Amino acid sequence: MRSVGSSATRLAIFAIVMIALTVVVANTITRPAPGDQVTYQAMFTDANGLRPNDDVRVRGLQIGKVVAVDLDDASFHARVTMHIKRDQQLRSDTVLAIRFQSLAGIRYVDVQMPEAPGQASNVITAGHTFPVEQTRPSFDITTVFNGLQPVLRSLKTDDVNRLGSTLAAVIGGDSTELGNALSAVDDMLSYTSDRQAVIERLLSNLKSMSEHLGGRSGSLTTLLGGLEGLIGTMAEKIKGIIEFGQYGISVLRPLNSILNTLGITEETNPDLATILHRAIPDPQMVIRVLDSAPALLQSLANALPGENTARKALTCSKGAYPLPTQMAVFIGGKQVTLCKR
């Protein structure tokens, strides 16, 4: 009897703890924004994934909650009703975008305030409805990866999450993640031998998503331009790479033979930089010697008999001072006369 009673007690305690945790999680998810609130509405061409109790945020900070997502009978657009804190002054040129909160599918409404409101911008009153021209619809991030499953299977889970989250942020309009997105794409390409085919598939998927968004994501356009430039560069260089593969061996094989003859072989000799440093410890000295070589050669040429060796006679009132032979060589072949004092 004691074991049955103790088991029942433990089960009851476990049930109470689980109920308490469930209540805490539910309150966290459905918690309203603090303070007095007012109602706004927004029309979206696509609100897929957005649910009541999803957050409304400004620069990552919660300012309200989504209370309803309905279909507008007149326009067949999604009508999203939101409760937002009264002290948040929305303007007539504010843009609302549905963004990913996580790759699990949770979304939120991002209120994008203009950095510098236009002259026609003014504070709107409660009950205002934002038209589709001022909203950015939802999208399914998984469509970006259609046809890329073989590559994605080779990636680590963290790499897939990073790729998905950065692309989702860029497509959602966060231009600050553009560099991270291109870096994540480059990491993905390192796992495939046919980089061009992967980029073409990715471009095709992003193009379809861009058409779905109606060109409303400037960051996505920039990302497409960056990927297009990447594949364009690859297309320009691929011919040279192929030619090098075809003809490079005919150059490298004799060069390798010469190096072997000189005793410079792999893994048994120091690297080339070490060899050059030992042979030429002072490169500046070599440069100075080579710089004086033309003058030295010209002086030697002038010292040899030739057809045009006649020089203009220069006279001194007290007679000329004979130059030493060494100086005559290093003055660069110029005619110099020193007069006696």
C-alpha atoms as a PDB file:
ATOM      1  CA  MET A   1       0.000   0.000   0.000  1.00  0.00           C
ATOM      2  CA  ARG A   2       2.850   2.352   0.811  1.00  0.00           C
ATOM      3  CA  SER A   3       4.437   1.896  -2.622  1.00  0.00           C
ATOM      4  CA  VAL A   4       1.098   2.550  -4.342  1.00  0.00           C
ATOM      5  CA  GLY A   5       0.548   5.664  -2.226  1.00  0.00           C
ATOM      6  CA  SER A   6       4.043   7.034  -2.857  1.00  0.00           C
ATOM      7  CA  SER A   7       3.711   6.416  -6.589  1.00  0.00           C
ATOM      8  CA  ALA A   8       0.382   8.229  -6.644  1.00  0.00           C
ATOM      9  CA  THR A   9       1.933  11.148  -4.752  1.00  0.00           C
ATOM     10  CA  ARG A  10       4.830  11.388  -7.201  1.00  0.00           C
ATOM     11  CA  LEU A  11       2.428  11.200 -10.142  1.00  0.00           C
ATOM     12  CA  ALA A  12       0.282  13.968  -8.661  1.00  0.00           C
ATOM     13  CA  ILE A  13       3.330  16.189  -8.078  1.00  0.00           C
ATOM     14  CA  PHE A  14       4.526  15.557 -11.634  1.00  0.00           C
ATOM     15  CA  ALA A  15       1.088  16.409 -13.038  1.00  0.00           C
ATOM     16  CA  ILE A  16       0.941  19.655 -11.033  1.00  0.00           C
ATOM     17  CA  VAL A  17       4.410  20.686 -12.234  1.00  0.00           C
ATOM     18  CA  MET A  18       3.533  19.946 -15.860  1.00  0.00           C
ATOM     19  CA  ILE A  19       0.262  21.905 -15.605  1.00  0.00           C
ATOM     20  CA  ALA A  20       2.139  24.845 -14.085  1.00  0.00           C
ATOM     21  CA  LEU A  21       4.729  24.776 -16.864  1.00  0.00           C
ATOM     22  CA  THR A  22       1.988  24.589 -19.491  1.00  0.00           C
ATOM     23  CA  VAL A  23       0.268  27.626 -17.987  1.00  0.00           C
ATOM     24  CA  VAL A  24       3.549  29.564 -17.924  1.00  0.00           C
ATOM     25  CA  VAL A  25       4.300  28.726 -21.565  1.00  0.00           C
ATOM     26  CA  ALA A  26       0.751  29.583 -22.638  1.00  0.00           C
ATOM     27  CA  ASN A  27       0.886  32.916 -20.811  1.00  0.00           C
ATOM     28  CA  THR A  28       4.249  33.675 -22.385  1.00  0.00           C
ATOM     29  CA  ILE A  29       2.942  32.987 -25.872  1.00  0.00           C
ATOM     30  CA  THR A  30      -0.355  34.831 -25.439  1.00  0.00           C
ATOM     31  CA  ARG A  31       0.849  37.638 -23.170  1.00  0.00           C
ATOM     32  CA  PRO A  32      -0.469  40.996 -24.343  1.00  0.00           C
ATOM     33  CA  ALA A  33       1.763  44.012 -24.728  1.00  0.00           C
ATOM     34  CA  PRO A  34       1.727  46.100 -21.534  1.00  0.00           C
ATOM     35  CA  GLY A  35      -0.128  49.397 -21.418  1.00  0.00           C
ATOM     36  CA  ASP A  36      -3.236  50.835 -23.048  1.00  0.00           C
ATOM     37  CA  GLN A  37      -3.811  49.521 -26.577  1.00  0.00           C
ATOM     38  CA  VAL A  38      -5.597  50.568 -29.755  1.00  0.00           C
ATOM     39  CA  THR A  39      -6.678  48.609 -32.835  1.00  0.00           C
ATOM     40  CA  TYR A  40      -5.192  48.743 -36.340  1.00  0.00           C
ATOM     41  CA  GLN A  41      -5.801  46.617 -39.413  1.00  0.00           C
ATOM     42  CA  ALA A  42      -3.630  45.735 -42.405  1.00  0.00           C
ATOM     43  CA  MET A  43      -4.345  44.079 -45.746  1.00  0.00           C
ATOM     44  CA  PHE A  44      -1.911  41.409 -46.973  1.00  0.00           C
ATOM     45  CA  THR A  45      -1.887  39.520 -50.266  1.00  0.00           C
ATOM     46  CA  ASP A  46      -0.632  36.489 -48.314  1.00  0.00           C
ATOM     47  CA  ALA A  47      -0.695  35.966 -44.532  1.00  0.00           C
ATOM     48  CA  ASN A  48       0.258  32.295 -44.571  1.00  0.00           C
ATOM     49  CA  GLY A  49       1.560  31.149 -41.176  1.00  0.00           C
ATOM     50  CA  LEU A  50       0.437  34.238 -39.241  1.00  0.00           C
ATOM     51  CA  ARG A  51      -1.785  33.351 -36.274  1.00  0.00           C
ATOM     52  CA  PRO A  52      -3.638  35.181 -33.499  1.00  0.00           C
ATOM     53  CA  ASN A  53      -1.346  35.953 -30.523  1.00  0.00           C
ATOM     54  CA  ASP A  54       1.684  36.359 -32.802  1.00  0.00           C
ATOM     55  CA  ASP A  55       3.797  39.390 -31.924  1.00  0.00           C
ATOM     56  CA  VAL A  56       3.765  42.841 -33.481  1.00  0.00           C
ATOM     57  CA  ARG A  57       7.265  44.307 -33.217  1.00  0.00           C
ATOM     58  CA  VAL A  58       9.283  47.436 -33.912  1.00  0.00           C
ATOM     59  CA  ARG A  59      13.041  46.836 -34.271  1.00  0.00           C
ATOM     60  CA  GLY A  60      12.649  43.527 -32.433  1.00  0.00           C
ATOM     61  CA  LEU A  61      10.686  44.944 -29.481  1.00  0.00           C
ATOM     62  CA  GLN A  62       7.108  43.822 -28.879  1.00  0.00           C
ATOM     63  CA  ILE A  63       4.535  46.602 -29.137  1.00  0.00           C
ATOM     64  CA  GLY A  64       1.388  44.551 -29.692  1.00  0.00           C
ATOM     65  CA  LYS A  65      -0.334  41.330 -30.687  1.00  0.00           C
ATOM     66  CA  VAL A  66      -2.201  39.926 -33.665  1.00  0.00           C
ATOM     67  CA  VAL A  67      -5.792  39.315 -32.581  1.00  0.00           C
ATOM     68  CA  ALA A  68      -7.381  38.041 -35.805  1.00  0.00           C
ATOM     69  CA  VAL A  69      -6.552  36.940 -39.353  1.00  0.00           C
ATOM     70  CA  ASP A  70      -9.567  36.922 -41.682  1.00  0.00           C
ATOM     71  CA  LEU A  71     -10.343  36.888 -45.395  1.00  0.00           C
ATOM     72  CA  ASP A  72     -11.691  40.155 -46.775  1.00  0.00           C
ATOM     73  CA  ASP A  73     -14.733  39.290 -48.898  1.00  0.00           C
ATOM     74  CA  ALA A  74     -14.423  42.328 -51.162  1.00  0.00           C
ATOM     75  CA  SER A  75     -10.735  42.137 -52.127  1.00  0.00           C
ATOM     76  CA  PHE A  76      -9.976  38.483 -51.252  1.00  0.00           C
ATOM     77  CA  HIS A  77      -6.948  39.722 -49.312  1.00  0.00           C
ATOM     78  CA  ALA A  78      -6.025  38.697 -45.793  1.00  0.00           C
ATOM     79  CA  ARG A  79      -7.191  41.204 -43.190  1.00  0.00           C
ATOM     80  CA  VAL A  80      -4.981  41.213 -40.082  1.00  0.00           C
ATOM     81  CA  THR A  81      -6.309  42.892 -36.938  1.00  0.00           C
ATOM     82  CA  MET A  82      -3.752  44.015 -34.355  1.00  0.00           C
ATOM     83  CA  HIS A  83      -3.746  45.557 -30.902  1.00  0.00           C
ATOM     84  CA  ILE A  84      -0.829  47.990 -30.533  1.00  0.00           C
ATOM     85  CA  LYS A  85       0.228  50.138 -27.598  1.00  0.00           C
ATOM     86  CA  ARG A  86      -1.321  53.587 -27.721  1.00  0.00           C
ATOM     87  CA  ASP A  87       1.998  55.399 -27.209  1.00  0.00           C
ATOM     88  CA  GLN A  88       3.362  53.961 -30.478  1.00  0.00           C
ATOM     89  CA  GLN A  89       2.769  56.628 -33.107  1.00  0.00           C
ATOM     90  CA  LEU A  90       2.357  54.914 -36.465  1.00  0.00           C
ATOM     91  CA  ARG A  91       2.655  57.119 -39.537  1.00  0.00           C
ATOM     92  CA  SER A  92       0.946  57.107 -42.902  1.00  0.00           C
ATOM     93  CA  ASP A  93       4.130  55.867 -44.632  1.00  0.00           C
ATOM     94  CA  THR A  94       4.758  53.012 -42.167  1.00  0.00           C
ATOM     95  CA  VAL A  95       5.252  49.584 -43.772  1.00  0.00           C
ATOM     96  CA  LEU A  96       4.101  46.296 -42.185  1.00  0.00           C
ATOM     97  CA  ALA A  97       5.874  43.048 -43.096  1.00  0.00           C
ATOM     98  CA  ILE A  98       5.253  39.442 -42.054  1.00  0.00           C
ATOM     99  CA  ARG A  99       8.577  37.931 -41.039  1.00  0.00           C
ATOM    100  CA  PHE A 100       9.921  34.657 -39.680  1.00  0.00           C
ATOM    101  CA  GLN A 101      10.505  34.560 -35.951  1.00  0.00           C
ATOM    102  CA  SER A 102      12.023  31.080 -36.276  1.00  0.00           C
ATOM    103  CA  LEU A 103      12.355  28.308 -38.847  1.00  0.00           C
ATOM    104  CA  ALA A 104       9.715  26.391 -36.878  1.00  0.00           C
ATOM    105  CA  GLY A 105       7.189  28.519 -38.754  1.00  0.00           C
ATOM    106  CA  ILE A 106       6.383  31.131 -36.096  1.00  0.00           C
ATOM    107  CA  ARG A 107       5.868  34.538 -37.663  1.00  0.00           C
ATOM    108  CA  TYR A 108       5.386  38.092 -36.466  1.00  0.00           C
ATOM    109  CA  VAL A 109       4.372  41.452 -37.909  1.00  0.00           C
ATOM    110  CA  ASP A 110       7.334  43.804 -38.293  1.00  0.00           C
ATOM    111  CA  VAL A 111       6.394  47.492 -38.135  1.00  0.00           C
ATOM    112  CA  GLN A 112       8.944  49.342 -40.267  1.00  0.00           C
ATOM    113  CA  MET A 113       9.085  52.993 -39.319  1.00  0.00           C
ATOM    114  CA  PRO A 114      10.671  55.372 -41.872  1.00  0.00           C
ATOM    115  CA  GLU A 115      14.058  56.756 -40.849  1.00  0.00           C
ATOM    116  CA  ALA A 116      13.145  60.171 -42.249  1.00  0.00           C
ATOM    117  CA  PRO A 117       9.365  60.616 -42.658  1.00  0.00           C
ATOM    118  CA  GLY A 118       8.341  62.323 -45.888  1.00  0.00           C
ATOM    119  CA  GLN A 119       6.688  65.713 -46.054  1.00  0.00           C
ATOM    120  CA  ALA A 120       3.293  64.106 -46.640  1.00  0.00           C
ATOM    121  CA  SER A 121       3.772  61.721 -43.694  1.00  0.00           C
ATOM    122  CA  ASN A 122       1.556  62.225 -40.670  1.00  0.00           C
ATOM    123  CA  VAL A 123       0.544  60.335 -37.544  1.00  0.00           C
ATOM    124  CA  ILE A 124      -2.453  58.069 -38.155  1.00  0.00           C
ATOM    125  CA  THR A 125      -5.319  57.538 -35.755  1.00  0.00           C
ATOM    126  CA  ALA A 126      -6.556  54.327 -34.164  1.00  0.00           C
ATOM    127  CA  GLY A 127      -8.625  52.093 -36.436  1.00  0.00           C
ATOM    128  CA  HIS A 128      -6.550  52.892 -39.532  1.00  0.00           C
ATOM    129  CA  THR A 129      -6.282  50.152 -42.183  1.00  0.00           C
ATOM    130  CA  PHE A 130      -2.985  49.781 -44.028  1.00  0.00           C
ATOM    131  CA  PRO A 131      -3.497  48.929 -47.744  1.00  0.00           C
ATOM    132  CA  VAL A 132      -1.568  46.180 -49.558  1.00  0.00           C
ATOM    133  CA  GLU A 133       0.766  48.832 -51.006  1.00  0.00           C
ATOM    134  CA  GLN A 134       2.144  49.327 -47.484  1.00  0.00           C
ATOM    135  CA  THR A 135       2.456  45.656 -46.535  1.00  0.00           C
ATOM    136  CA  ARG A 136       4.868  42.852 -47.357  1.00  0.00           C
ATOM    137  CA  PRO A 137       3.258  39.390 -47.592  1.00  0.00           C
ATOM    138  CA  SER A 138       4.285  36.120 -46.022  1.00  0.00           C
ATOM    139  CA  PHE A 139       6.262  33.482 -47.910  1.00  0.00           C
ATOM    140  CA  ASP A 140       7.344  29.860 -47.536  1.00  0.00           C
ATOM    141  CA  ILE A 141      11.116  29.734 -47.033  1.00  0.00           C
ATOM    142  CA  THR A 142      11.221  26.018 -47.890  1.00  0.00           C
ATOM    143  CA  THR A 143      10.513  26.812 -51.567  1.00  0.00           C
ATOM    144  CA  VAL A 144      13.999  28.333 -51.791  1.00  0.00           C
ATOM    145  CA  PHE A 145      15.516  24.886 -51.251  1.00  0.00           C
ATOM    146  CA  ASN A 146      13.472  22.972 -53.841  1.00  0.00           C
ATOM    147  CA  GLY A 147      15.814  20.697 -55.810  1.00  0.00           C
ATOM    148  CA  LEU A 148      18.717  21.251 -53.391  1.00  0.00           C
ATOM    149  CA  GLN A 149      18.015  18.287 -51.115  1.00  0.00           C
ATOM    150  CA  PRO A 150      21.174  16.326 -52.137  1.00  0.00           C
ATOM    151  CA  VAL A 151      23.348  19.298 -51.168  1.00  0.00           C
ATOM    152  CA  LEU A 152      21.435  20.032 -47.968  1.00  0.00           C
ATOM    153  CA  ARG A 153      21.871  16.439 -46.802  1.00  0.00           C
ATOM    154  CA  SER A 154      25.636  17.018 -46.857  1.00  0.00           C
ATOM    155  CA  LEU A 155      25.394  20.127 -44.668  1.00  0.00           C
ATOM    156  CA  LYS A 156      25.554  20.213 -40.914  1.00  0.00           C
ATOM    157  CA  THR A 157      22.358  21.104 -39.063  1.00  0.00           C
ATOM    158  CA  ASP A 158      23.835  24.406 -37.879  1.00  0.00           C
ATOM    159  CA  ASP A 159      24.804  25.308 -41.461  1.00  0.00           C
ATOM    160  CA  VAL A 160      21.284  24.575 -42.729  1.00  0.00           C
ATOM    161  CA  ASN A 161      19.738  26.669 -39.948  1.00  0.00           C
ATOM    162  CA  ARG A 162      22.156  29.527 -40.642  1.00  0.00           C
ATOM    163  CA  LEU A 163      21.427  29.402 -44.372  1.00  0.00           C
ATOM    164  CA  GLY A 164      17.674  29.318 -43.842  1.00  0.00           C
ATOM    165  CA  SER A 165      17.552  32.045 -41.191  1.00  0.00           C
ATOM    166  CA  THR A 166      19.767  34.482 -43.117  1.00  0.00           C
ATOM    167  CA  LEU A 167      17.868  33.947 -46.378  1.00  0.00           C
ATOM    168  CA  ALA A 168      14.580  34.385 -44.533  1.00  0.00           C
ATOM    169  CA  ALA A 169      15.835  37.639 -43.005  1.00  0.00           C
ATOM    170  CA  VAL A 170      17.037  38.987 -46.360  1.00  0.00           C
ATOM    171  CA  ILE A 171      13.846  38.030 -48.176  1.00  0.00           C
ATOM    172  CA  GLY A 172      11.884  39.597 -45.342  1.00  0.00           C
ATOM    173  CA  GLY A 173      13.661  42.893 -45.978  1.00  0.00           C
ATOM    174  CA  ASP A 174      16.554  42.850 -43.494  1.00  0.00           C
ATOM    175  CA  SER A 175      19.430  44.142 -45.637  1.00  0.00           C
ATOM    176  CA  THR A 176      21.901  43.820 -42.735  1.00  0.00           C
ATOM    177  CA  GLU A 177      21.886  40.031 -43.212  1.00  0.00           C
ATOM    178  CA  LEU A 178      22.807  40.235 -46.907  1.00  0.00           C
ATOM    179  CA  GLY A 179      26.512  39.575 -46.316  1.00  0.00           C
ATOM    180  CA  ASN A 180      25.763  36.660 -43.996  1.00  0.00           C
ATOM    181  CA  ALA A 181      23.376  35.174 -46.576  1.00  0.00           C
ATOM    182  CA  LEU A 182      25.975  35.282 -49.347  1.00  0.00           C
ATOM    183  CA  SER A 183      28.542  33.782 -46.952  1.00  0.00           C
ATOM    184  CA  ALA A 184      26.126  30.960 -46.066  1.00  0.00           C
ATOM    185  CA  VAL A 185      25.489  30.279 -49.766  1.00  0.00           C
ATOM    186  CA  ASP A 186      29.245  30.147 -50.385  1.00  0.00           C
ATOM    187  CA  ASP A 187      29.619  27.632 -47.541  1.00  0.00           C
ATOM    188  CA  MET A 188      26.872  25.509 -49.082  1.00  0.00           C
ATOM    189  CA  LEU A 189      28.624  25.556 -52.470  1.00  0.00           C
ATOM    190  CA  SER A 190      31.754  24.068 -50.899  1.00  0.00           C
ATOM    191  CA  TYR A 191      29.827  20.791 -50.459  1.00  0.00           C
ATOM    192  CA  THR A 192      29.078  20.323 -54.158  1.00  0.00           C
ATOM    193  CA  SER A 193      31.169  19.682 -57.245  1.00  0.00           C
ATOM    194  CA  ASP A 194      28.679  21.331 -59.625  1.00  0.00           C
ATOM    195  CA  ARG A 195      28.548  24.833 -58.147  1.00  0.00           C
ATOM    196  CA  GLN A 196      27.008  26.365 -61.267  1.00  0.00           C
ATOM    197  CA  ALA A 197      24.020  23.995 -61.246  1.00  0.00           C
ATOM    198  CA  VAL A 198      23.337  24.713 -57.558  1.00  0.00           C
ATOM    199  CA  ILE A 199      23.494  28.489 -58.086  1.00  0.00           C
ATOM    200  CA  GLU A 200      21.188  28.256 -61.110  1.00  0.00           C
ATOM    201  CA  ARG A 201      18.651  26.257 -59.073  1.00  0.00           C
ATOM    202  CA  LEU A 202      18.892  28.700 -56.169  1.00  0.00           C
ATOM    203  CA  LEU A 203      18.461  31.670 -58.515  1.00  0.00           C
ATOM    204  CA  SER A 204      15.420  30.044 -60.105  1.00  0.00           C
ATOM    205  CA  ASN A 205      13.807  29.463 -56.700  1.00  0.00           C
ATOM    206  CA  LEU A 206      14.560  32.999 -55.517  1.00  0.00           C
ATOM    207  CA  LYS A 207      13.202  34.411 -58.776  1.00  0.00           C
ATOM    208  CA  SER A 208       9.927  32.548 -58.261  1.00  0.00           C
ATOM    209  CA  MET A 209       9.719  33.900 -54.715  1.00  0.00           C
ATOM    210  CA  SER A 210      10.481  37.421 -55.958  1.00  0.00           C
ATOM    211  CA  GLU A 211       7.599  37.161 -58.419  1.00  0.00           C
ATOM    212  CA  HIS A 212       5.388  35.925 -55.574  1.00  0.00           C
ATOM    213  CA  LEU A 213       6.346  38.937 -53.444  1.00  0.00           C
ATOM    214  CA  GLY A 214       5.637  41.250 -56.341  1.00  0.00           C
ATOM    215  CA  GLY A 215       9.064  42.901 -56.220  1.00  0.00           C
ATOM    216  CA  ARG A 216       8.431  44.334 -52.746  1.00  0.00           C
ATOM    217  CA  SER A 217      11.656  43.020 -51.194  1.00  0.00           C
ATOM    218  CA  GLY A 218      14.572  45.255 -52.119  1.00  0.00           C
ATOM    219  CA  SER A 219      17.003  43.043 -50.217  1.00  0.00           C
ATOM    220  CA  LEU A 220      15.946  40.008 -52.236  1.00  0.00           C
ATOM    221  CA  THR A 221      16.656  41.955 -55.430  1.00  0.00           C
ATOM    222  CA  THR A 222      20.134  42.780 -54.116  1.00  0.00           C
ATOM    223  CA  LEU A 223      20.707  39.128 -53.204  1.00  0.00           C
ATOM    224  CA  LEU A 224      19.664  38.018 -56.686  1.00  0.00           C
ATOM    225  CA  GLY A 225      22.060  40.562 -58.179  1.00  0.00           C
ATOM    226  CA  GLY A 226      24.912  39.270 -56.029  1.00  0.00           C
ATOM    227  CA  LEU A 227      24.280  35.651 -56.986  1.00  0.00           C
ATOM    228  CA  GLU A 228      23.922  36.611 -60.645  1.00  0.00           C
ATOM    229  CA  GLY A 229      27.284  38.367 -60.471  1.00  0.00           C
ATOM    230  CA  LEU A 230      28.815  35.285 -58.853  1.00  0.00           C
ATOM    231  CA  ILE A 231      27.606  32.916 -61.546  1.00  0.00           C
ATOM    232  CA  GLY A 232      28.567  35.445 -64.246  1.00  0.00           C
ATOM    233  CA  THR A 233      32.125  35.550 -62.936  1.00  0.00           C
ATOM    234  CA  MET A 234      32.242  31.760 -62.851  1.00  0.00           C
ATOM    235  CA  ALA A 235      30.993  31.615 -66.450  1.00  0.00           C
ATOM    236  CA  GLU A 236      33.695  34.070 -67.565  1.00  0.00           C
ATOM    237  CA  LYS A 237      36.516  32.191 -65.822  1.00  0.00           C
ATOM    238  CA  ILE A 238      35.408  28.655 -66.626  1.00  0.00           C
ATOM    239  CA  LYS A 239      36.943  28.778 -70.140  1.00  0.00           C
ATOM    240  CA  GLY A 240      40.354  29.691 -68.732  1.00  0.00           C
ATOM    241  CA  ILE A 241      40.105  26.958 -66.110  1.00  0.00           C
ATOM    242  CA  ILE A 242      39.281  24.374 -68.791  1.00  0.00           C
ATOM    243  CA  GLU A 243      42.180  25.545 -70.987  1.00  0.00           C
ATOM    244  CA  PHE A 244      44.557  25.371 -68.033  1.00  0.00           C
ATOM    245  CA  GLY A 245      43.421  21.825 -67.346  1.00  0.00           C
ATOM    246  CA  GLN A 246      44.001  20.893 -70.999  1.00  0.00           C
ATOM    247  CA  TYR A 247      47.349  22.584 -71.638  1.00  0.00           C
ATOM    248  CA  GLY A 248      48.768  23.250 -68.182  1.00  0.00           C
ATOM    249  CA  ILE A 249      50.209  19.754 -67.859  1.00  0.00           C
ATOM    250  CA  SER A 250      52.434  20.341 -70.919  1.00  0.00           C
ATOM    251  CA  VAL A 251      54.033  23.263 -69.071  1.00  0.00           C
ATOM    252  CA  LEU A 252      54.091  21.844 -65.568  1.00  0.00           C
ATOM    253  CA  ARG A 253      55.683  18.506 -66.511  1.00  0.00           C
ATOM    254  CA  PRO A 254      58.918  20.051 -67.966  1.00  0.00           C
ATOM    255  CA  LEU A 255      59.017  22.514 -65.075  1.00  0.00           C
ATOM    256  CA  ASN A 256      58.741  19.652 -62.608  1.00  0.00           C
ATOM    257  CA  SER A 257      61.552  17.856 -64.450  1.00  0.00           C
ATOM    258  CA  ILE A 258      63.777  20.948 -64.197  1.00  0.00           C
ATOM    259  CA  LEU A 259      63.100  21.278 -60.471  1.00  0.00           C
ATOM    260  CA  ASN A 260      63.908  17.603 -59.937  1.00  0.00           C
ATOM    261  CA  THR A 261      67.159  18.062 -61.861  1.00  0.00           C
ATOM    262  CA  LEU A 262      68.059  20.977 -59.600  1.00  0.00           C
ATOM    263  CA  GLY A 263      67.323  18.812 -56.586  1.00  0.00           C
ATOM    264  CA  ILE A 264      64.213  20.733 -55.572  1.00  0.00           C
ATOM    265  CA  THR A 265      61.778  17.943 -54.814  1.00  0.00           C
ATOM    266  CA  GLU A 266      58.641  17.795 -52.714  1.00  0.00           C
ATOM    267  CA  GLU A 267      58.972  17.071 -48.972  1.00  0.00           C
ATOM    268  CA  THR A 268      62.796  16.739 -49.120  1.00  0.00           C
ATOM    269  CA  ASN A 269      63.772  20.378 -49.675  1.00  0.00           C
ATOM    270  CA  PRO A 270      62.954  23.686 -47.998  1.00  0.00           C
ATOM    271  CA  ASP A 271      60.292  25.843 -49.574  1.00  0.00           C
ATOM    272  CA  LEU A 272      61.166  28.249 -52.383  1.00  0.00           C
ATOM    273  CA  ALA A 273      60.982  31.314 -50.137  1.00  0.00           C
ATOM    274  CA  THR A 274      63.674  29.851 -47.856  1.00  0.00           C
ATOM    275  CA  ILE A 275      65.911  29.023 -50.823  1.00  0.00           C
ATOM    276  CA  LEU A 276      65.617  32.545 -52.249  1.00  0.00           C
ATOM    277  CA  HIS A 277      66.263  34.111 -48.856  1.00  0.00           C
ATOM    278  CA  ARG A 278      69.469  32.128 -48.471  1.00  0.00           C
ATOM    279  CA  ALA A 279      70.617  32.933 -52.013  1.00  0.00           C
ATOM    280  CA  ILE A 280      69.728  36.636 -51.772  1.00  0.00           C
ATOM    281  CA  PRO A 281      69.809  37.724 -48.131  1.00  0.00           C
ATOM    282  CA  ASP A 282      69.718  41.445 -49.065  1.00  0.00           C
ATOM    283  CA  PRO A 283      67.291  42.075 -51.962  1.00  0.00           C
ATOM    284  CA  GLN A 284      67.837  45.855 -51.770  1.00  0.00           C
ATOM    285  CA  MET A 285      71.537  45.391 -52.512  1.00  0.00           C
ATOM    286  CA  VAL A 286      70.691  43.356 -55.602  1.00  0.00           C
ATOM    287  CA  ILE A 287      68.313  46.094 -56.750  1.00  0.00           C
ATOM    288  CA  ARG A 288      71.032  48.733 -56.364  1.00  0.00           C
ATOM    289  CA  VAL A 289      73.531  46.622 -58.317  1.00  0.00           C
ATOM    290  CA  LEU A 290      71.049  45.995 -61.135  1.00  0.00           C
ATOM    291  CA  ASP A 291      70.154  49.694 -61.184  1.00  0.00           C
ATOM    292  CA  SER A 292      73.789  50.641 -61.840  1.00  0.00           C
ATOM    293  CA  ALA A 293      74.286  47.916 -64.464  1.00  0.00           C
ATOM    294  CA  PRO A 294      73.118  50.014 -67.489  1.00  0.00           C
ATOM    295  CA  ALA A 295      75.600  52.807 -66.677  1.00  0.00           C
ATOM    296  CA  LEU A 296      78.376  50.281 -66.159  1.00  0.00           C
ATOM    297  CA  LEU A 297      77.675  48.624 -69.500  1.00  0.00           C
ATOM    298  CA  GLN A 298      77.522  52.001 -71.251  1.00  0.00           C
ATOM    299  CA  SER A 299      80.882  52.980 -69.756  1.00  0.00           C
ATOM    300  CA  LEU A 300      82.432  49.761 -70.958  1.00  0.00           C
ATOM    301  CA  ALA A 301      80.984  50.348 -74.427  1.00  0.00           C
ATOM    302  CA  ASN A 302      82.416  53.860 -74.548  1.00  0.00           C
ATOM    303  CA  ALA A 303      85.836  52.551 -73.513  1.00  0.00           C
ATOM    304  CA  LEU A 304      85.938  50.292 -76.567  1.00  0.00           C
ATOM    305  CA  PRO A 305      87.058  51.697 -79.946  1.00  0.00           C
ATOM    306  CA  GLY A 306      84.228  52.463 -82.310  1.00  0.00           C
ATOM    307  CA  GLU A 307      83.105  54.618 -85.194  1.00  0.00           C
ATOM    308  CA  ASN A 308      81.625  57.451 -83.125  1.00  0.00           C
ATOM    309  CA  THR A 309      84.123  57.717 -80.326  1.00  0.00           C
ATOM    310  CA  ALA A 310      85.150  61.271 -81.076  1.00  0.00           C
ATOM    311  CA  ARG A 311      84.332  63.608 -78.258  1.00  0.00           C
ATOM    312  CA  LYS A 312      84.112  67.326 -78.104  1.00  0.00           C
ATOM    313  CA  ALA A 313      87.415  68.792 -76.940  1.00  0.00           C
ATOM    314  CA  LEU A 314      87.183  70.662 -73.668  1.00  0.00           C
ATOM    315  CA  THR A 315      90.014  72.991 -72.622  1.00  0.00           C
ATOM    316  CA  CYS A 316      91.045  74.304 -69.242  1.00  0.00           C
ATOM    317  CA  SER A 317      93.108  77.451 -68.721  1.00  0.00           C
ATOM    318  CA  LYS A 318      95.441  75.645 -66.332  1.00  0.00           C
ATOM    319  CA  GLY A 319      95.134  72.213 -67.883  1.00  0.00           C
ATOM    320  CA  ALA A 320      92.884  69.177 -67.248  1.00  0.00           C
ATOM    321  CA  TYR A 321      93.215  66.874 -64.265  1.00  0.00           C
ATOM    322  CA  PRO A 322      93.340  63.204 -65.334  1.00  0.00           C
ATOM    323  CA  LEU A 323      90.525  61.038 -63.896  1.00  0.00           C
ATOM    324  CA  PRO A 324      91.294  57.707 -62.260  1.00  0.00           C
ATOM    325  CA  THR A 325      90.212  54.713 -64.356  1.00  0.00           C
ATOM    326  CA  GLN A 326      87.748  53.472 -61.666  1.00  0.00           C
ATOM    327  CA  MET A 327      85.954  56.818 -61.589  1.00  0.00           C
ATOM    328  CA  ALA A 328      85.723  56.943 -65.371  1.00  0.00           C
ATOM    329  CA  VAL A 329      83.828  53.646 -65.308  1.00  0.00           C
ATOM    330  CA  PHE A 330      81.303  54.528 -62.585  1.00  0.00           C
ATOM    331  CA  ILE A 331      80.310  58.001 -63.842  1.00  0.00           C
ATOM    332  CA  GLY A 332      78.059  56.246 -66.343  1.00  0.00           C
ATOM    333  CA  GLY A 333      80.007  56.903 -69.525  1.00  0.00           C
ATOM    334  CA  LYS A 334      79.507  60.656 -69.332  1.00  0.00           C
ATOM    335  CA  GLN A 335      82.252  63.021 -70.493  1.00  0.00           C
ATOM    336  CA  VAL A 336      83.508  64.812 -67.390  1.00  0.00           C
ATOM    337  CA  THR A 337      86.547  67.126 -67.327  1.00  0.00           C
ATOM    338  CA  LEU A 338      88.169  68.269 -64.099  1.00  0.00           C
ATOM    339  CA  CYS A 339      90.303  71.394 -64.416  1.00  0.00           C
ATOM    340  CA  LYS A 340      93.353  72.126 -62.325  1.00  0.00           C
ATOM    341  CA  ARG A 341      93.128  75.104 -59.953  1.00  0.00           C
END
